[in-house]
Amino acid sequence: MDRSSKLIIASLAAVLFSPVSHAPAAETQSQAEPPPIPVTAIAATSETLDRVIYGIGTVSPLQSVTVRSRIDGQVLEVPFSEGQIVEKGAVLLRLDDSQLRSDLTSAKAKRAQDEAQLKGAQTDADRYETLTQSGVAAMATLEQKRSTSQQLAAAVDYDNAMIKNAETQLSFATITAPFTGRAGFRQADPGSIVSASSTTGIVTITQMDPIGVSFVAPGDRFGDIRDAMRKGIATVEVSTTDGTSKLGTGQLKIMDNAVDAETGSIHLRADFDNSAEKLWPGLPVATRLTVERRQGVVVPDKALARSPAGLYAYVVGKDGKVQKRDVTTAFVTDARALVTKGIAEGDQVVMDGQSRIGDGVKVSVTPWNGMPDGQILPGVSQ
């Protein structure tokens, strides 16, 4: 091997086996942090939240009656229209009352006759009392005159009773509305004969304003419901069964005196102003009964994750890193939770992206817009 070959081999060996420093690259790699994970977050607020009991109920009128005739007779007039609101005392039907008026006239004439006889008998009795004291008339005759006078007085009392009865029967010939309400379909027409024994009735009157809603609640909540009624906070909101339209807000008025042993529920009724007639008898509605109002920290229920150990949430710190916190809640209403422990007012709570983060992870925050994982509500810009 010549000298030049040896020099080449030595140079290659020096290159191959000389120590190479990788420290700057390793140091650069260790100093690089992973990029922040994108999440959405919302600020916890302090507000008053209602604790509610949801249910299904039925609109039921406070008063509804089928009007019937109390006497037999022929219909002369039906002065109302089907479906109209009739005021209390308004005439619904008039019957032929000619016979009833005749009976009243006869009763009054009979009383006048008996009153005239009574007056004469009393005068006669007074005269015989004077004669008896003078010894002219016998005591037996006086007693007979007094007895006649008493009999005629009783006859006048009977006549008064007959007149009262005739007046009552005459009043039955005009049928009026017992309260203000909406008239249903009428079952009698002019010229027809109605009977007191008929079960059909003339018309059904239903009170529309105010109106009630009957519904049930779990029987084991009766204590909460009773306390809410005592505090005056037992309001009831009703809406269509699909929840698309609110129909009214009323006040719980009646709680049944016993829990149904078969269903374990308790029957309730709330009263509503119904001047707009949004509530109609028999209409099924969704109910929302408030049993408690409490001030506290409120966050969307979606921000709370579940684990075997309980509830927890991720709160974004000022350094952009999240902290996992155990959370305790009092109740959840309308997908919003009242937090009693773990979250303070103003804390930024992670909403979307919880599955991609852990305690201490750095995140980039986008304000939550109410739609899952980055979807945007109509009219809301990023």
Protein backbone atom coordinates (compact mmCIF):
# COMPACT_ATOMS: atom_id res chain seq x y z
CA MET A 1 0.00 0.00 0.00
CA ASP A 2 1.56 3.29 -1.07
CA ARG A 3 1.72 6.39 1.04
CA SER A 4 -1.18 8.13 -0.66
CA SER A 5 -3.55 5.24 -0.01
CA LYS A 6 -2.67 5.24 3.66
CA LEU A 7 -3.40 8.96 3.92
CA ILE A 8 -6.83 8.51 2.33
CA ILE A 9 -7.74 5.67 4.70
CA ALA A 10 -6.64 7.69 7.72
CA SER A 11 -8.73 10.67 6.65
CA LEU A 12 -11.81 8.51 6.23
CA ALA A 13 -11.31 6.94 9.64
CA ALA A 14 -10.97 10.34 11.24
CA VAL A 15 -14.22 11.42 9.69
CA LEU A 16 -16.12 8.25 10.56
CA PHE A 17 -15.00 7.89 14.13
CA SER A 18 -14.76 11.51 15.22
CA PRO A 19 -17.36 12.49 17.96
CA VAL A 20 -20.43 14.39 16.66
CA SER A 21 -22.37 16.72 19.00
CA HIS A 22 -26.21 16.43 18.75
CA ALA A 23 -26.91 18.59 21.86
CA PRO A 24 -28.32 21.65 20.11
CA ALA A 25 -30.95 19.62 18.18
CA ALA A 26 -32.01 17.66 21.27
CA GLU A 27 -32.28 20.84 23.28
CA THR A 28 -34.44 22.46 20.59
CA GLN A 29 -36.75 19.43 20.46
CA SER A 30 -37.21 19.39 24.25
CA GLN A 31 -38.04 23.07 24.35
CA ALA A 32 -40.79 22.83 21.67
CA GLU A 33 -44.35 22.61 23.10
CA PRO A 34 -47.34 20.93 21.39
CA PRO A 35 -49.78 23.37 19.80
CA PRO A 36 -52.76 24.44 21.95
CA ILE A 37 -55.91 22.35 21.50
CA PRO A 38 -58.91 24.33 20.19
CA VAL A 39 -61.94 24.33 22.50
CA THR A 40 -65.02 26.44 23.05
CA ALA A 41 -65.76 27.93 26.47
CA ILE A 42 -68.39 30.00 28.26
CA ALA A 43 -68.18 32.26 31.31
CA ALA A 44 -70.07 31.07 34.40
CA THR A 45 -72.68 33.60 35.50
CA SER A 46 -74.43 34.41 38.78
CA GLU A 47 -78.19 34.45 38.44
CA THR A 48 -81.45 33.14 39.82
CA LEU A 49 -82.48 29.73 38.53
CA ASP A 50 -85.87 28.06 39.01
CA ARG A 51 -86.18 24.46 40.06
CA VAL A 52 -89.12 22.99 38.17
CA ILE A 53 -91.21 19.85 37.80
CA TYR A 54 -92.25 19.01 34.25
CA GLY A 55 -95.48 17.23 33.39
CA ILE A 56 -98.43 16.83 31.05
CA GLY A 57 -101.86 18.23 31.84
CA THR A 58 -105.28 18.97 30.41
CA VAL A 59 -107.11 22.27 30.22
CA SER A 60 -110.23 22.01 32.38
CA PRO A 61 -112.81 24.77 32.95
CA LEU A 62 -113.43 25.99 36.48
CA GLN A 63 -117.17 25.79 35.78
CA SER A 64 -119.14 23.90 33.15
CA VAL A 65 -122.84 23.09 33.34
CA THR A 66 -125.48 21.59 31.10
CA VAL A 67 -128.50 23.87 31.37
CA ARG A 68 -131.82 22.00 31.69
CA SER A 69 -135.43 23.05 32.01
CA ARG A 70 -137.05 22.60 35.44
CA ILE A 71 -140.56 22.44 33.98
CA ASP A 72 -142.27 20.98 30.93
CA GLY A 73 -143.27 23.37 28.19
CA GLN A 74 -143.11 24.53 24.61
CA VAL A 75 -140.12 26.63 23.51
CA LEU A 76 -141.05 30.11 22.33
CA GLU A 77 -137.62 31.69 21.91
CA VAL A 78 -133.92 30.74 22.04
CA PRO A 79 -132.18 34.15 22.07
CA PHE A 80 -128.54 33.07 21.90
CA SER A 81 -126.13 31.86 19.23
CA GLU A 82 -124.10 28.70 19.45
CA GLY A 83 -120.49 29.39 20.37
CA GLN A 84 -121.06 32.91 21.67
CA ILE A 85 -120.04 34.25 25.08
CA VAL A 86 -123.16 34.68 27.19
CA GLU A 87 -123.12 36.87 30.27
CA LYS A 88 -124.39 35.73 33.65
CA GLY A 89 -128.17 36.25 33.76
CA ALA A 90 -128.57 36.43 29.98
CA VAL A 91 -131.73 34.74 28.68
CA LEU A 92 -131.05 31.40 27.02
CA LEU A 93 -134.61 30.15 26.46
CA ARG A 94 -138.20 31.22 26.98
CA LEU A 95 -141.08 28.77 27.39
CA ASP A 96 -144.81 29.34 26.88
CA ASP A 97 -145.89 30.69 30.31
CA SER A 98 -149.58 31.43 29.67
CA GLN A 99 -150.80 28.63 31.94
CA LEU A 100 -148.32 29.61 34.65
CA ARG A 101 -149.49 33.23 34.57
CA SER A 102 -153.09 32.04 34.84
CA ASP A 103 -152.20 29.91 37.87
CA LEU A 104 -150.54 32.91 39.52
CA THR A 105 -153.60 35.11 38.86
CA SER A 106 -155.89 32.46 40.37
CA ALA A 107 -153.73 32.16 43.47
CA LYS A 108 -153.77 35.90 44.03
CA ALA A 109 -157.58 36.02 43.58
CA LYS A 110 -158.05 33.22 46.10
CA ARG A 111 -155.90 35.11 48.60
CA ALA A 112 -157.95 38.26 48.13
CA GLN A 113 -161.13 36.28 48.78
CA ASP A 114 -159.75 34.68 51.93
CA GLU A 115 -158.38 37.99 53.20
CA ALA A 116 -161.85 39.57 52.85
CA GLN A 117 -163.44 36.68 54.76
CA LEU A 118 -160.73 36.91 57.41
CA LYS A 119 -161.37 40.59 57.92
CA GLY A 120 -165.09 39.96 58.38
CA ALA A 121 -164.46 37.07 60.75
CA GLN A 122 -162.08 39.15 62.90
CA THR A 123 -164.65 41.97 63.11
CA ASP A 124 -167.34 39.47 64.07
CA ALA A 125 -165.11 37.92 66.73
CA ASP A 126 -164.33 41.35 68.21
CA ARG A 127 -168.06 42.19 68.41
CA TYR A 128 -168.94 38.91 70.12
CA GLU A 129 -166.12 39.43 72.61
CA THR A 130 -167.83 42.66 73.71
CA LEU A 131 -171.22 40.95 73.86
CA THR A 132 -169.82 38.10 75.90
CA GLN A 133 -168.29 40.49 78.42
CA SER A 134 -171.74 42.13 78.71
CA GLY A 135 -173.37 38.76 79.26
CA VAL A 136 -175.45 39.00 76.10
CA ALA A 137 -173.66 36.28 74.12
CA ALA A 138 -172.49 32.90 75.25
CA MET A 139 -168.78 32.08 75.60
CA ALA A 140 -169.21 29.11 73.24
CA THR A 141 -170.31 31.44 70.45
CA LEU A 142 -167.24 33.65 70.98
CA GLU A 143 -164.94 30.66 70.80
CA GLN A 144 -166.59 29.55 67.56
CA LYS A 145 -166.05 33.02 66.04
CA ARG A 146 -162.40 33.00 67.10
CA SER A 147 -161.88 29.55 65.56
CA THR A 148 -163.38 30.70 62.26
CA SER A 149 -161.04 33.72 62.24
CA GLN A 150 -157.99 31.50 62.85
CA GLN A 151 -159.00 29.13 60.07
CA LEU A 152 -159.28 31.99 57.61
CA ALA A 153 -155.87 33.38 58.73
CA ALA A 154 -154.36 29.97 57.99
CA ALA A 155 -156.08 29.98 54.60
CA VAL A 156 -154.45 33.33 53.79
CA ASP A 157 -151.04 31.91 54.77
CA TYR A 158 -151.69 28.96 52.46
CA ASP A 159 -152.69 31.35 49.67
CA ASN A 160 -149.38 33.23 50.13
CA ALA A 161 -147.49 29.95 49.78
CA MET A 162 -149.43 29.08 46.63
CA ILE A 163 -148.65 32.50 45.16
CA LYS A 164 -144.96 32.04 45.94
CA ASN A 165 -145.01 28.63 44.28
CA ALA A 166 -146.78 30.02 41.21
CA GLU A 167 -144.23 32.83 40.94
CA THR A 168 -141.40 30.30 41.18
CA GLN A 169 -142.91 28.11 38.48
CA LEU A 170 -143.38 31.18 36.29
CA SER A 171 -139.71 32.14 36.75
CA PHE A 172 -138.72 28.67 35.48
CA ALA A 173 -140.28 29.55 32.13
CA THR A 174 -137.35 31.92 31.49
CA ILE A 175 -134.01 30.09 31.60
CA THR A 176 -130.89 32.24 32.12
CA ALA A 177 -127.13 31.66 32.12
CA PRO A 178 -125.84 30.74 35.60
CA PHE A 179 -122.43 32.36 34.92
CA THR A 180 -120.50 34.02 32.13
CA GLY A 181 -119.21 31.47 29.64
CA ARG A 182 -119.20 30.15 26.11
CA ALA A 183 -122.31 28.42 24.82
CA GLY A 184 -121.99 25.10 23.07
CA PHE A 185 -124.41 23.48 20.62
CA ARG A 186 -128.07 24.07 21.50
CA GLN A 187 -130.38 21.10 21.86
CA ALA A 188 -133.75 22.89 21.65
CA ASP A 189 -135.37 25.00 18.93
CA PRO A 190 -138.42 27.28 18.96
CA GLY A 191 -141.60 25.19 18.80
CA SER A 192 -140.07 22.10 20.38
CA ILE A 193 -141.25 20.64 23.68
CA VAL A 194 -138.80 20.37 26.55
CA SER A 195 -139.24 18.21 29.61
CA ALA A 196 -137.91 18.50 33.13
CA SER A 197 -137.06 14.78 33.05
CA SER A 198 -134.89 15.09 29.94
CA THR A 199 -131.17 14.36 30.38
CA THR A 200 -130.16 16.02 27.12
CA GLY A 201 -130.39 19.56 28.36
CA ILE A 202 -130.69 22.75 26.37
CA VAL A 203 -127.07 23.88 26.05
CA THR A 204 -123.76 23.50 27.85
CA ILE A 205 -122.17 26.67 29.23
CA THR A 206 -118.42 26.58 29.89
CA GLN A 207 -116.47 29.24 31.74
CA MET A 208 -113.47 30.30 29.64
CA ASP A 209 -111.83 33.04 31.70
CA PRO A 210 -110.31 32.31 34.11
CA ILE A 211 -109.65 28.68 33.26
CA GLY A 212 -107.83 25.80 34.94
CA VAL A 213 -105.23 23.20 33.98
CA SER A 214 -105.24 19.83 35.75
CA PHE A 215 -102.00 17.86 35.88
CA VAL A 216 -100.05 15.46 38.08
CA ALA A 217 -96.65 15.51 39.76
CA PRO A 218 -94.61 12.80 41.51
CA GLY A 219 -96.15 12.16 44.90
CA ASP A 220 -92.79 12.26 46.69
CA ARG A 221 -92.45 15.93 45.69
CA PHE A 222 -95.55 17.00 47.61
CA GLY A 223 -93.40 18.63 50.31
CA ASP A 224 -91.61 20.85 47.78
CA ILE A 225 -94.92 21.72 46.14
CA ARG A 226 -96.60 22.56 49.44
CA ASP A 227 -93.70 24.81 50.50
CA ALA A 228 -93.76 26.58 47.13
CA MET A 229 -97.49 27.27 47.52
CA ARG A 230 -96.91 28.71 50.99
CA LYS A 231 -94.14 30.98 49.66
CA GLY A 232 -96.27 32.08 46.70
CA ILE A 233 -93.75 30.93 44.07
CA ALA A 234 -95.69 27.93 42.73
CA THR A 235 -96.14 29.33 39.23
CA VAL A 236 -97.10 27.08 36.33
CA GLU A 237 -96.15 27.67 32.72
CA VAL A 238 -98.03 25.77 30.05
CA SER A 239 -97.07 25.25 26.43
CA THR A 240 -98.07 23.06 23.51
CA THR A 241 -97.07 19.43 23.96
CA ASP A 242 -94.34 19.79 21.35
CA GLY A 243 -92.90 22.75 23.27
CA THR A 244 -93.01 25.13 20.31
CA SER A 245 -95.45 27.68 21.74
CA LYS A 246 -95.98 29.06 25.24
CA LEU A 247 -99.67 29.34 26.08
CA GLY A 248 -99.73 31.05 29.46
CA THR A 249 -98.51 31.42 33.02
CA GLY A 250 -100.74 30.75 36.01
CA GLN A 251 -100.66 30.02 39.72
CA LEU A 252 -101.01 26.65 41.40
CA LYS A 253 -104.24 26.77 43.42
CA ILE A 254 -105.12 23.24 44.50
CA MET A 255 -103.10 20.24 45.60
CA ASP A 256 -105.11 17.07 46.19
CA ASN A 257 -105.42 15.87 49.77
CA ALA A 258 -103.90 12.46 49.02
CA VAL A 259 -101.30 10.81 46.82
CA ASP A 260 -102.73 8.28 44.38
CA ALA A 261 -101.61 4.93 45.78
CA GLU A 262 -101.79 3.21 42.39
CA THR A 263 -99.75 5.71 40.35
CA GLY A 264 -97.70 7.35 43.09
CA SER A 265 -98.65 10.78 41.75
CA ILE A 266 -100.54 13.73 43.18
CA HIS A 267 -103.24 15.66 41.35
CA LEU A 268 -102.82 19.44 40.98
CA ARG A 269 -104.73 22.34 39.42
CA ALA A 270 -103.52 25.77 38.38
CA ASP A 271 -105.66 28.76 37.37
CA PHE A 272 -104.89 30.96 34.35
CA ASP A 273 -106.05 34.25 32.91
CA ASN A 274 -107.48 33.29 29.54
CA SER A 275 -108.66 36.57 28.07
CA ALA A 276 -106.81 35.73 24.83
CA GLU A 277 -108.43 32.26 24.82
CA LYS A 278 -105.20 30.42 24.07
CA LEU A 279 -106.33 27.68 26.43
CA TRP A 280 -109.31 25.58 25.34
CA PRO A 281 -111.12 23.00 27.47
CA GLY A 282 -109.79 19.50 26.86
CA LEU A 283 -106.54 20.69 25.25
CA PRO A 284 -103.47 18.64 26.31
CA VAL A 285 -100.57 20.84 27.40
CA ALA A 286 -97.04 20.55 28.76
CA THR A 287 -96.67 21.96 32.29
CA ARG A 288 -93.69 23.49 34.08
CA LEU A 289 -94.22 23.95 37.84
CA THR A 290 -91.73 26.10 39.77
CA VAL A 291 -91.04 24.80 43.28
CA GLU A 292 -87.84 26.70 44.18
CA ARG A 293 -85.88 29.83 43.22
CA ARG A 294 -82.21 30.00 44.11
CA GLN A 295 -79.39 32.46 43.41
CA GLY A 296 -76.04 30.96 42.44
CA VAL A 297 -73.47 30.19 39.77
CA VAL A 298 -75.08 28.88 36.58
CA VAL A 299 -73.43 27.05 33.65
CA PRO A 300 -74.86 24.98 30.79
CA ASP A 301 -75.32 21.37 31.81
CA LYS A 302 -73.30 20.44 28.70
CA ALA A 303 -70.16 21.84 30.39
CA LEU A 304 -70.31 19.16 33.09
CA ALA A 305 -68.80 15.76 32.36
CA ARG A 306 -69.69 12.56 34.21
CA SER A 307 -67.37 10.00 35.73
CA PRO A 308 -67.80 7.21 38.30
CA ALA A 309 -66.47 9.66 40.89
CA GLY A 310 -69.09 12.29 40.01
CA LEU A 311 -69.31 15.49 38.01
CA TYR A 312 -66.32 17.49 36.83
CA ALA A 313 -65.51 20.36 34.48
CA TYR A 314 -62.46 21.93 32.82
CA VAL A 315 -61.83 25.56 33.69
CA VAL A 316 -59.44 27.64 31.56
CA GLY A 317 -56.80 29.51 33.60
CA LYS A 318 -55.15 32.84 32.81
CA ASP A 319 -52.13 30.96 31.42
CA GLY A 320 -54.32 29.25 28.86
CA LYS A 321 -54.13 25.86 30.56
CA VAL A 322 -57.16 23.95 31.77
CA GLN A 323 -57.74 22.75 35.28
CA LYS A 324 -59.96 19.78 36.04
CA ARG A 325 -62.34 20.53 38.91
CA ASP A 326 -64.82 18.36 40.76
CA VAL A 327 -68.26 19.95 40.65
CA THR A 328 -71.38 19.74 42.80
CA THR A 329 -74.79 20.93 41.55
CA ALA A 330 -78.12 21.64 43.25
CA PHE A 331 -80.37 20.98 40.24
CA VAL A 332 -80.62 21.34 36.48
CA THR A 333 -83.35 23.33 34.71
CA ASP A 334 -83.69 23.81 30.96
CA ALA A 335 -80.20 22.29 30.39
CA ARG A 336 -78.66 24.80 32.83
CA ALA A 337 -77.07 23.69 36.09
CA LEU A 338 -76.91 25.58 39.39
CA VAL A 339 -73.39 24.90 40.70
CA THR A 340 -72.79 24.88 44.46
CA LYS A 341 -69.11 23.85 44.41
CA GLY A 342 -66.21 23.80 41.96
CA ILE A 343 -66.94 26.76 39.66
CA ALA A 344 -67.00 30.47 40.48
CA GLU A 345 -68.66 33.36 38.72
CA GLY A 346 -66.63 34.46 35.70
CA ASP A 347 -64.73 31.15 35.27
CA GLN A 348 -64.24 30.14 31.63
CA VAL A 349 -65.69 26.63 31.45
CA VAL A 350 -64.90 24.36 28.50
CA MET A 351 -67.95 23.39 26.50
CA ASP A 352 -66.80 21.56 23.34
CA GLY A 353 -63.57 19.61 23.03
CA GLN A 354 -63.57 18.03 26.51
CA SER A 355 -62.64 14.61 25.13
CA ARG A 356 -59.41 15.98 23.60
CA ILE A 357 -57.98 17.62 26.72
CA GLY A 358 -56.76 16.74 30.18
CA ASP A 359 -55.67 18.51 33.35
CA GLY A 360 -52.93 21.05 32.61
CA VAL A 361 -53.31 21.00 28.82
CA LYS A 362 -52.91 24.31 27.00
CA VAL A 363 -55.90 25.29 24.89
CA SER A 364 -56.99 27.98 22.49
CA VAL A 365 -60.44 29.27 23.37
CA THR A 366 -63.29 30.24 21.08
CA PRO A 367 -66.46 31.65 22.72
CA TRP A 368 -69.19 29.04 22.77
CA ASN A 369 -72.04 29.86 20.40
CA GLY A 370 -74.54 27.25 21.50
CA MET A 371 -73.83 24.72 18.75
CA PRO A 372 -71.68 21.61 19.16
CA ASP A 373 -68.06 21.45 17.95
CA GLY A 374 -67.69 24.61 15.97
CA GLN A 375 -71.06 24.84 14.28
CA ILE A 376 -72.30 28.40 14.03
CA LEU A 377 -75.78 29.62 14.83
CA PRO A 378 -77.48 31.52 12.00
CA GLY A 379 -76.42 35.15 12.09
CA VAL A 380 -73.46 34.52 14.44
CA SER A 381 -69.96 35.13 13.06
CA GLN A 382 -66.79 33.48 14.28
